[in-house]
């Protein structure tokens, strides 16, 4: 399979020619990545809630809570363990 022209920097084929899932890098823990994705969605929803319902500020702040957990986890992980030297296979 060739690399789509819209994604030239992503590596789709493994060293053995197998197709790899670009969502799983193996460099960092997968649960941390999913919490960061959920946190990103929370940031977007929080901005929408703040715009649509100005009186619901507490709900908008609560939507950003997963992002704060994921960001602190990532900083702690990088400071203590660092990035894995080789990616784990998934």
Protein backbone atom coordinates (compact mmCIF):
# COMPACT_ATOMS: atom_id res chain seq x y z
CA UNK A 1 0.00 0.00 0.00
CA UNK A 2 1.37 3.40 -0.89
CA UNK A 3 1.20 6.44 1.37
CA UNK A 4 -1.75 8.71 0.57
CA UNK A 5 -0.56 12.10 -0.76
CA UNK A 6 -2.48 13.96 1.95
CA UNK A 7 -0.49 12.20 4.72
CA UNK A 8 3.11 12.16 3.53
CA UNK A 9 4.70 12.15 6.98
CA UNK A 10 2.82 9.17 8.43
CA UNK A 11 4.44 5.76 8.24
CA UNK A 12 1.78 3.26 7.21
CA UNK A 13 3.89 0.23 6.40
CA UNK A 14 5.99 -1.65 8.94
CA UNK A 15 9.51 -2.90 8.28
CA UNK A 16 8.05 -6.27 7.28
CA UNK A 17 5.60 -4.65 4.84
CA UNK A 18 2.56 -5.04 7.08
CA UNK A 19 0.08 -2.22 7.41
CA UNK A 20 0.30 -0.41 10.75
CA UNK A 21 -2.45 1.49 12.49
CA UNK A 22 -1.35 5.15 12.63
CA UNK A 23 -3.35 5.71 15.85
CA UNK A 24 -1.02 3.42 17.84
CA UNK A 25 2.53 4.68 17.94
CA UNK A 26 3.89 2.59 20.81
CA UNK A 27 6.08 5.47 22.04
CA UNK A 28 3.77 6.45 24.91
CA UNK A 29 1.06 4.53 26.82
CA UNK A 30 -2.16 4.19 24.83
CA UNK A 31 -4.49 5.06 27.76
CA UNK A 32 -2.71 8.38 28.13
CA UNK A 33 -3.32 9.11 24.47
CA UNK A 34 -7.01 8.32 24.77
CA UNK A 35 -7.38 10.54 27.84
CA UNK A 36 -5.71 13.36 25.90
CA UNK A 37 -8.10 12.81 22.97
CA UNK A 38 -11.09 12.89 25.35
CA UNK A 39 -9.62 16.03 26.93
CA UNK A 40 -9.32 17.69 23.53
CA UNK A 41 -12.97 16.95 22.83
CA UNK A 42 -13.74 18.36 26.29
CA UNK A 43 -11.90 21.59 25.43
CA UNK A 44 -13.96 22.00 22.25
CA UNK A 45 -17.25 21.19 24.02
CA UNK A 46 -16.31 23.52 26.87
CA UNK A 47 -15.78 26.40 24.45
CA UNK A 48 -19.15 25.68 22.84
CA UNK A 49 -20.93 25.47 26.21
CA UNK A 50 -19.32 28.73 27.35
CA UNK A 51 -20.47 30.46 24.15
CA UNK A 52 -23.97 28.95 24.05
CA UNK A 53 -24.72 29.04 27.78
CA UNK A 54 -22.67 31.74 29.56
CA UNK A 55 -24.25 30.87 32.91
CA UNK A 56 -22.98 27.25 32.72
CA UNK A 57 -19.35 28.16 33.34
CA UNK A 58 -18.86 25.38 35.92
CA UNK A 59 -20.00 22.73 33.43
CA UNK A 60 -17.61 24.10 30.81
CA UNK A 61 -14.74 23.99 33.29
CA UNK A 62 -15.60 20.41 34.23
CA UNK A 63 -15.37 19.36 30.57
CA UNK A 64 -11.68 20.34 30.57
CA UNK A 65 -10.88 18.15 33.60
CA UNK A 66 -9.83 15.04 31.56
CA UNK A 67 -7.41 17.22 29.59
CA UNK A 68 -5.76 18.43 32.79
CA UNK A 69 -5.36 14.83 34.01
CA UNK A 70 -3.89 13.72 30.68
CA UNK A 71 -1.54 16.68 30.44
CA UNK A 72 -0.23 16.20 33.98
CA UNK A 73 0.18 12.47 33.30
CA UNK A 74 2.14 13.20 30.13
CA UNK A 75 4.45 15.70 31.85
CA UNK A 76 5.07 13.31 34.74
CA UNK A 77 5.64 10.38 32.39
CA UNK A 78 8.16 12.33 30.33
CA UNK A 79 9.99 13.68 33.38
CA UNK A 80 10.21 10.34 35.17
CA UNK A 81 10.39 7.71 32.43
CA UNK A 82 10.98 9.62 29.21
CA UNK A 83 10.00 8.37 25.78
CA UNK A 84 10.47 4.65 25.12
CA UNK A 85 13.66 3.98 23.16
CA UNK A 86 11.81 1.69 20.79
CA UNK A 87 8.11 1.63 20.04
CA UNK A 88 6.21 -1.34 21.34
CA UNK A 89 4.41 -3.42 18.76
CA UNK A 90 0.63 -3.42 18.91
